[in-house]
């Protein structure tokens, strides 16, 4: 029986015959050359659709299994972590790089998080959203780890998710400066990695131990100084 091909970043489609792939696009930023190459490859292999995903990737849908290796070679791009028990692409809004409403540089922070975590194996999938203001265009409230920019620093949420039983993230702390927010995310990821059960999402782990006990693992004042 055909199945997802994790090592090739290929997801089996509804027809049980063809696959979709989604190249990695850090922070959702893509060059014109990459766009041209994606279009050329889509034409060459007669894809059924070119789909912009909710995770800021561009998926090529309807590929034959025998073509997948050649497609990746032609693209010259790395697969995005769209499947598997790992850190998925970091969803990032335009922030102060482009948006007039941004309070924080979400693009810079998102790229640093992507460099640290994208594809890291964990007890279950882990999604991170980085929004430069409370409009929360990167869905930080429904990400396992969500960063929301404010005039006083980053507000950090933990345990959010979508799915059939959605969960809003718990607000862990407010007012974290740029130079400390990555350290806090490091500590959250390490705690989750070391203590969660197999296939347990971060929110489920927090619910199991209790939010107060979870938060007690962090000396939150140290991240503000």
C-alpha atoms as a PDB file:
ATOM      1  CA  UNK A   1       0.000   0.000   0.000  1.00  0.00           C
ATOM      2  CA  UNK A   2       1.352   3.414  -0.943  1.00  0.00           C
ATOM      3  CA  UNK A   3       2.087   5.856   1.884  1.00  0.00           C
ATOM      4  CA  UNK A   4       3.773   9.168   2.627  1.00  0.00           C
ATOM      5  CA  UNK A   5       7.480   9.191   1.757  1.00  0.00           C
ATOM      6  CA  UNK A   6       8.990  10.975   4.751  1.00  0.00           C
ATOM      7  CA  UNK A   7      12.563  10.836   3.474  1.00  0.00           C
ATOM      8  CA  UNK A   8      11.517  12.598   0.273  1.00  0.00           C
ATOM      9  CA  UNK A   9       9.097  15.107   1.807  1.00  0.00           C
ATOM     10  CA  UNK A  10       6.288  13.649  -0.297  1.00  0.00           C
ATOM     11  CA  UNK A  11       2.686  13.431   0.885  1.00  0.00           C
ATOM     12  CA  UNK A  12       0.349  10.878  -0.680  1.00  0.00           C
ATOM     13  CA  UNK A  13      -2.726  12.491  -2.213  1.00  0.00           C
ATOM     14  CA  UNK A  14      -6.399  11.567  -2.148  1.00  0.00           C
ATOM     15  CA  UNK A  15      -6.141   9.483  -5.308  1.00  0.00           C
ATOM     16  CA  UNK A  16      -3.669   7.140  -3.529  1.00  0.00           C
ATOM     17  CA  UNK A  17      -1.451   7.337  -6.600  1.00  0.00           C
ATOM     18  CA  UNK A  18       0.229  10.726  -6.731  1.00  0.00           C
ATOM     19  CA  UNK A  19       2.163  12.891  -4.300  1.00  0.00           C
ATOM     20  CA  UNK A  20       2.603  16.509  -3.282  1.00  0.00           C
ATOM     21  CA  UNK A  21       5.874  18.105  -2.254  1.00  0.00           C
ATOM     22  CA  UNK A  22       6.467  21.479  -0.626  1.00  0.00           C
ATOM     23  CA  UNK A  23       9.954  23.020  -0.793  1.00  0.00           C
ATOM     24  CA  UNK A  24      11.204  24.774   2.301  1.00  0.00           C
ATOM     25  CA  UNK A  25      10.574  28.530   2.175  1.00  0.00           C
ATOM     26  CA  UNK A  26      12.067  30.080   5.357  1.00  0.00           C
ATOM     27  CA  UNK A  27       9.789  32.779   6.796  1.00  0.00           C
ATOM     28  CA  UNK A  28       7.683  32.558   3.630  1.00  0.00           C
ATOM     29  CA  UNK A  29      10.233  34.611   1.705  1.00  0.00           C
ATOM     30  CA  UNK A  30      10.969  33.378  -1.821  1.00  0.00           C
ATOM     31  CA  UNK A  31      13.061  34.793  -4.651  1.00  0.00           C
ATOM     32  CA  UNK A  32      11.892  35.469  -8.184  1.00  0.00           C
ATOM     33  CA  UNK A  33      14.378  32.866  -9.453  1.00  0.00           C
ATOM     34  CA  UNK A  34      12.875  30.245  -7.148  1.00  0.00           C
ATOM     35  CA  UNK A  35       9.383  31.118  -8.347  1.00  0.00           C
ATOM     36  CA  UNK A  36      10.459  30.733 -11.969  1.00  0.00           C
ATOM     37  CA  UNK A  37      12.050  27.387 -11.205  1.00  0.00           C
ATOM     38  CA  UNK A  38       8.920  26.171  -9.433  1.00  0.00           C
ATOM     39  CA  UNK A  39       6.827  27.178 -12.440  1.00  0.00           C
ATOM     40  CA  UNK A  40       9.206  25.485 -14.886  1.00  0.00           C
ATOM     41  CA  UNK A  41       9.227  22.266 -12.851  1.00  0.00           C
ATOM     42  CA  UNK A  42       5.440  22.338 -12.543  1.00  0.00           C
ATOM     43  CA  UNK A  43       5.151  22.549 -16.327  1.00  0.00           C
ATOM     44  CA  UNK A  44       7.788  19.899 -16.955  1.00  0.00           C
ATOM     45  CA  UNK A  45       6.119  17.313 -14.722  1.00  0.00           C
ATOM     46  CA  UNK A  46       2.502  18.284 -15.482  1.00  0.00           C
ATOM     47  CA  UNK A  47       1.491  18.874 -11.867  1.00  0.00           C
ATOM     48  CA  UNK A  48      -2.219  18.968 -11.127  1.00  0.00           C
ATOM     49  CA  UNK A  49      -2.006  22.105  -8.975  1.00  0.00           C
ATOM     50  CA  UNK A  50       0.379  24.653  -7.501  1.00  0.00           C
ATOM     51  CA  UNK A  51      -0.962  25.329  -4.007  1.00  0.00           C
ATOM     52  CA  UNK A  52       0.080  28.008  -1.531  1.00  0.00           C
ATOM     53  CA  UNK A  53      -0.178  26.304   1.855  1.00  0.00           C
ATOM     54  CA  UNK A  54      -1.228  27.675   5.235  1.00  0.00           C
ATOM     55  CA  UNK A  55       2.372  27.174   6.380  1.00  0.00           C
ATOM     56  CA  UNK A  56       3.712  29.652   3.786  1.00  0.00           C
ATOM     57  CA  UNK A  57       5.057  26.992   1.440  1.00  0.00           C
ATOM     58  CA  UNK A  58       4.270  26.398  -2.243  1.00  0.00           C
ATOM     59  CA  UNK A  59       3.197  22.816  -2.880  1.00  0.00           C
ATOM     60  CA  UNK A  60       3.451  21.010  -6.199  1.00  0.00           C
ATOM     61  CA  UNK A  61       0.510  18.616  -6.244  1.00  0.00           C
ATOM     62  CA  UNK A  62      -0.017  15.483  -8.334  1.00  0.00           C
ATOM     63  CA  UNK A  63       3.484  14.123  -8.907  1.00  0.00           C
ATOM     64  CA  UNK A  64       4.221  10.550  -9.907  1.00  0.00           C
ATOM     65  CA  UNK A  65       6.377   8.649  -7.411  1.00  0.00           C
ATOM     66  CA  UNK A  66       9.033   7.933 -10.041  1.00  0.00           C
ATOM     67  CA  UNK A  67       9.435  11.654 -10.699  1.00  0.00           C
ATOM     68  CA  UNK A  68       9.950  12.839  -7.115  1.00  0.00           C
ATOM     69  CA  UNK A  69      13.759  12.504  -7.032  1.00  0.00           C
ATOM     70  CA  UNK A  70      14.093  14.270 -10.383  1.00  0.00           C
ATOM     71  CA  UNK A  71      11.778  17.060  -9.272  1.00  0.00           C
ATOM     72  CA  UNK A  72      13.900  17.786  -6.211  1.00  0.00           C
ATOM     73  CA  UNK A  73      17.040  17.717  -8.326  1.00  0.00           C
ATOM     74  CA  UNK A  74      15.562  20.163 -10.820  1.00  0.00           C
ATOM     75  CA  UNK A  75      14.326  22.475  -8.066  1.00  0.00           C
ATOM     76  CA  UNK A  76      17.605  22.539  -6.153  1.00  0.00           C
ATOM     77  CA  UNK A  77      15.608  23.274  -2.979  1.00  0.00           C
ATOM     78  CA  UNK A  78      15.293  21.488   0.341  1.00  0.00           C
ATOM     79  CA  UNK A  79      12.019  19.832   1.384  1.00  0.00           C
ATOM     80  CA  UNK A  80       9.883  21.643   3.937  1.00  0.00           C
ATOM     81  CA  UNK A  81       9.096  19.614   7.062  1.00  0.00           C
ATOM     82  CA  UNK A  82       5.435  19.120   6.174  1.00  0.00           C
ATOM     83  CA  UNK A  83       5.044  15.694   7.768  1.00  0.00           C
ATOM     84  CA  UNK A  84       6.549  13.658  10.581  1.00  0.00           C
ATOM     85  CA  UNK A  85       7.150  14.217  14.292  1.00  0.00           C
ATOM     86  CA  UNK A  86       9.284  17.318  14.023  1.00  0.00           C
ATOM     87  CA  UNK A  87       9.329  21.110  14.007  1.00  0.00           C
ATOM     88  CA  UNK A  88       7.369  22.314  10.987  1.00  0.00           C
ATOM     89  CA  UNK A  89       8.002  25.501   9.003  1.00  0.00           C
ATOM     90  CA  UNK A  90       8.014  28.635  11.161  1.00  0.00           C
ATOM     91  CA  UNK A  91       4.996  30.768  10.207  1.00  0.00           C
ATOM     92  CA  UNK A  92       6.052  34.406  10.101  1.00  0.00           C
ATOM     93  CA  UNK A  93       4.251  37.664   9.350  1.00  0.00           C
ATOM     94  CA  UNK A  94       5.959  40.637   7.595  1.00  0.00           C
ATOM     95  CA  UNK A  95       6.601  42.445  10.913  1.00  0.00           C
ATOM     96  CA  UNK A  96       8.604  45.663  10.979  1.00  0.00           C
ATOM     97  CA  UNK A  97      10.494  44.595   7.842  1.00  0.00           C
ATOM     98  CA  UNK A  98       7.455  45.489   5.714  1.00  0.00           C
ATOM     99  CA  UNK A  99       4.236  46.071   7.675  1.00  0.00           C
ATOM    100  CA  UNK A 100       3.207  49.486   8.993  1.00  0.00           C
ATOM    101  CA  UNK A 101       1.460  47.822  11.967  1.00  0.00           C
ATOM    102  CA  UNK A 102       4.456  45.785  13.131  1.00  0.00           C
ATOM    103  CA  UNK A 103       5.977  46.369  16.559  1.00  0.00           C
ATOM    104  CA  UNK A 104       8.674  43.694  16.341  1.00  0.00           C
ATOM    105  CA  UNK A 105      10.943  42.243  13.663  1.00  0.00           C
ATOM    106  CA  UNK A 106       9.147  38.942  13.188  1.00  0.00           C
ATOM    107  CA  UNK A 107      11.034  38.106   9.988  1.00  0.00           C
ATOM    108  CA  UNK A 108      14.438  38.243  11.676  1.00  0.00           C
ATOM    109  CA  UNK A 109      13.255  36.219  14.683  1.00  0.00           C
ATOM    110  CA  UNK A 110      11.387  33.763  12.426  1.00  0.00           C
ATOM    111  CA  UNK A 111      14.483  33.125  10.308  1.00  0.00           C
ATOM    112  CA  UNK A 112      16.594  32.509  13.407  1.00  0.00           C
ATOM    113  CA  UNK A 113      14.010  30.074  14.771  1.00  0.00           C
ATOM    114  CA  UNK A 114      13.814  28.350  11.401  1.00  0.00           C
ATOM    115  CA  UNK A 115      17.592  27.947  11.322  1.00  0.00           C
ATOM    116  CA  UNK A 116      17.594  26.450  14.830  1.00  0.00           C
ATOM    117  CA  UNK A 117      14.590  24.170  14.695  1.00  0.00           C
ATOM    118  CA  UNK A 118      13.170  23.384  11.267  1.00  0.00           C
ATOM    119  CA  UNK A 119      12.953  19.598  10.926  1.00  0.00           C
ATOM    120  CA  UNK A 120      14.125  18.849  14.497  1.00  0.00           C
ATOM    121  CA  UNK A 121      12.728  15.529  15.716  1.00  0.00           C
ATOM    122  CA  UNK A 122      10.465  15.810  18.774  1.00  0.00           C
ATOM    123  CA  UNK A 123       7.797  13.696  20.545  1.00  0.00           C
ATOM    124  CA  UNK A 124       5.208  15.072  18.099  1.00  0.00           C
ATOM    125  CA  UNK A 125       4.922  17.787  15.485  1.00  0.00           C
ATOM    126  CA  UNK A 126       5.589  21.284  16.785  1.00  0.00           C
ATOM    127  CA  UNK A 127       4.442  24.459  15.092  1.00  0.00           C
ATOM    128  CA  UNK A 128       5.768  27.946  15.794  1.00  0.00           C
ATOM    129  CA  UNK A 129       4.149  31.233  14.785  1.00  0.00           C
ATOM    130  CA  UNK A 130       5.812  34.659  14.962  1.00  0.00           C
ATOM    131  CA  UNK A 131       3.550  37.716  14.696  1.00  0.00           C
ATOM    132  CA  UNK A 132       4.938  41.239  14.794  1.00  0.00           C
ATOM    133  CA  UNK A 133       1.819  42.723  16.412  1.00  0.00           C
ATOM    134  CA  UNK A 134      -1.395  41.660  18.219  1.00  0.00           C
ATOM    135  CA  UNK A 135      -3.211  41.219  14.882  1.00  0.00           C
ATOM    136  CA  UNK A 136      -1.524  37.809  15.049  1.00  0.00           C
ATOM    137  CA  UNK A 137      -1.328  37.190  11.310  1.00  0.00           C
ATOM    138  CA  UNK A 138       1.005  34.228  11.964  1.00  0.00           C
ATOM    139  CA  UNK A 139      -1.647  32.523  14.120  1.00  0.00           C
ATOM    140  CA  UNK A 140       0.506  32.618  17.255  1.00  0.00           C
ATOM    141  CA  UNK A 141      -2.501  31.791  19.468  1.00  0.00           C
ATOM    142  CA  UNK A 142      -2.976  28.388  17.819  1.00  0.00           C
ATOM    143  CA  UNK A 143       0.672  27.351  17.523  1.00  0.00           C
ATOM    144  CA  UNK A 144       2.537  25.106  19.944  1.00  0.00           C
ATOM    145  CA  UNK A 145       4.811  28.084  20.548  1.00  0.00           C
ATOM    146  CA  UNK A 146       3.558  31.533  19.578  1.00  0.00           C
ATOM    147  CA  UNK A 147       5.406  34.845  19.703  1.00  0.00           C
ATOM    148  CA  UNK A 148       3.423  38.083  19.492  1.00  0.00           C
ATOM    149  CA  UNK A 149       5.124  41.448  19.193  1.00  0.00           C
ATOM    150  CA  UNK A 150       4.034  44.390  21.338  1.00  0.00           C
ATOM    151  CA  UNK A 151       5.568  47.817  22.033  1.00  0.00           C
ATOM    152  CA  UNK A 152       6.977  46.378  25.287  1.00  0.00           C
ATOM    153  CA  UNK A 153       8.482  43.211  23.800  1.00  0.00           C
ATOM    154  CA  UNK A 154       7.411  39.693  22.909  1.00  0.00           C
ATOM    155  CA  UNK A 155       4.443  37.937  24.469  1.00  0.00           C
ATOM    156  CA  UNK A 156       4.978  34.171  24.440  1.00  0.00           C
ATOM    157  CA  UNK A 157       2.148  31.629  24.176  1.00  0.00           C
ATOM    158  CA  UNK A 158       2.487  27.856  24.591  1.00  0.00           C
ATOM    159  CA  UNK A 159       0.335  24.844  23.778  1.00  0.00           C
ATOM    160  CA  UNK A 160      -1.892  26.139  21.008  1.00  0.00           C
ATOM    161  CA  UNK A 161      -3.117  23.916  18.193  1.00  0.00           C
ATOM    162  CA  UNK A 162      -5.857  23.474  15.609  1.00  0.00           C
ATOM    163  CA  UNK A 163      -7.500  20.198  14.660  1.00  0.00           C
ATOM    164  CA  UNK A 164     -10.797  18.619  15.709  1.00  0.00           C
ATOM    165  CA  UNK A 165     -10.227  19.681  19.323  1.00  0.00           C
ATOM    166  CA  UNK A 166      -8.517  23.079  19.027  1.00  0.00           C
ATOM    167  CA  UNK A 167      -6.638  24.621  21.922  1.00  0.00           C
ATOM    168  CA  UNK A 168      -5.725  28.270  22.428  1.00  0.00           C
ATOM    169  CA  UNK A 169      -2.201  28.765  23.666  1.00  0.00           C
ATOM    170  CA  UNK A 170      -1.607  29.720  27.288  1.00  0.00           C
ATOM    171  CA  UNK A 171       0.094  33.066  27.789  1.00  0.00           C
ATOM    172  CA  UNK A 172       3.384  32.214  29.452  1.00  0.00           C
ATOM    173  CA  UNK A 173       5.007  35.637  29.751  1.00  0.00           C
ATOM    174  CA  UNK A 174       4.955  39.184  28.387  1.00  0.00           C
ATOM    175  CA  UNK A 175       7.607  41.791  27.637  1.00  0.00           C
ATOM    176  CA  UNK A 176      10.506  39.574  26.531  1.00  0.00           C
ATOM    177  CA  UNK A 177      13.217  41.467  24.581  1.00  0.00           C
ATOM    178  CA  UNK A 178      14.646  40.263  21.276  1.00  0.00           C
ATOM    179  CA  UNK A 179      17.929  39.167  22.809  1.00  0.00           C
ATOM    180  CA  UNK A 180      16.208  36.837  25.304  1.00  0.00           C
ATOM    181  CA  UNK A 181      13.251  35.413  23.384  1.00  0.00           C
ATOM    182  CA  UNK A 182      15.326  32.795  21.579  1.00  0.00           C
ATOM    183  CA  UNK A 183      16.721  31.564  24.900  1.00  0.00           C
ATOM    184  CA  UNK A 184      13.188  31.126  26.225  1.00  0.00           C
ATOM    185  CA  UNK A 185      12.100  29.203  23.143  1.00  0.00           C
ATOM    186  CA  UNK A 186      15.198  27.000  23.536  1.00  0.00           C
ATOM    187  CA  UNK A 187      14.180  26.178  27.109  1.00  0.00           C
ATOM    188  CA  UNK A 188      10.555  25.452  26.114  1.00  0.00           C
ATOM    189  CA  UNK A 189      11.618  23.103  23.313  1.00  0.00           C
ATOM    190  CA  UNK A 190      14.141  21.321  25.540  1.00  0.00           C
ATOM    191  CA  UNK A 191      11.605  20.842  28.339  1.00  0.00           C
ATOM    192  CA  UNK A 192       9.067  19.453  25.894  1.00  0.00           C
ATOM    193  CA  UNK A 193      11.611  17.193  24.213  1.00  0.00           C
ATOM    194  CA  UNK A 194      12.836  15.754  27.515  1.00  0.00           C
ATOM    195  CA  UNK A 195       9.495  15.253  29.265  1.00  0.00           C
ATOM    196  CA  UNK A 196       6.601  14.753  26.836  1.00  0.00           C
ATOM    197  CA  UNK A 197       5.296  11.295  26.090  1.00  0.00           C
ATOM    198  CA  UNK A 198       5.639   9.823  22.615  1.00  0.00           C
ATOM    199  CA  UNK A 199       3.260  11.550  20.173  1.00  0.00           C
ATOM    200  CA  UNK A 200       2.109  13.997  22.875  1.00  0.00           C
ATOM    201  CA  UNK A 201       1.660  17.560  21.600  1.00  0.00           C
ATOM    202  CA  UNK A 202       2.965  20.402  23.736  1.00  0.00           C
ATOM    203  CA  UNK A 203      -0.564  21.456  24.720  1.00  0.00           C
ATOM    204  CA  UNK A 204      -1.423  17.912  25.823  1.00  0.00           C
ATOM    205  CA  UNK A 205       1.766  17.786  27.887  1.00  0.00           C
ATOM    206  CA  UNK A 206       0.840  21.095  29.547  1.00  0.00           C
ATOM    207  CA  UNK A 207      -2.672  19.811  30.293  1.00  0.00           C
ATOM    208  CA  UNK A 208      -1.254  16.614  31.777  1.00  0.00           C
ATOM    209  CA  UNK A 209       1.155  18.315  34.188  1.00  0.00           C
ATOM    210  CA  UNK A 210      -0.843  21.523  34.682  1.00  0.00           C
ATOM    211  CA  UNK A 211       0.053  24.976  33.394  1.00  0.00           C
ATOM    212  CA  UNK A 212       1.337  26.216  36.746  1.00  0.00           C
ATOM    213  CA  UNK A 213       3.727  23.286  37.068  1.00  0.00           C
ATOM    214  CA  UNK A 214       4.830  23.760  33.466  1.00  0.00           C
ATOM    215  CA  UNK A 215       5.477  27.479  33.965  1.00  0.00           C
ATOM    216  CA  UNK A 216       7.345  26.811  37.216  1.00  0.00           C
ATOM    217  CA  UNK A 217      10.157  25.252  35.173  1.00  0.00           C
ATOM    218  CA  UNK A 218      11.149  28.726  33.980  1.00  0.00           C
ATOM    219  CA  UNK A 219      12.570  31.610  35.960  1.00  0.00           C
ATOM    220  CA  UNK A 220      10.638  34.024  33.782  1.00  0.00           C
ATOM    221  CA  UNK A 221      12.149  37.152  35.279  1.00  0.00           C
ATOM    222  CA  UNK A 222      15.593  36.237  33.959  1.00  0.00           C
ATOM    223  CA  UNK A 223      14.380  36.546  30.374  1.00  0.00           C
ATOM    224  CA  UNK A 224      13.308  40.146  30.948  1.00  0.00           C
ATOM    225  CA  UNK A 225      16.686  41.391  32.168  1.00  0.00           C
END
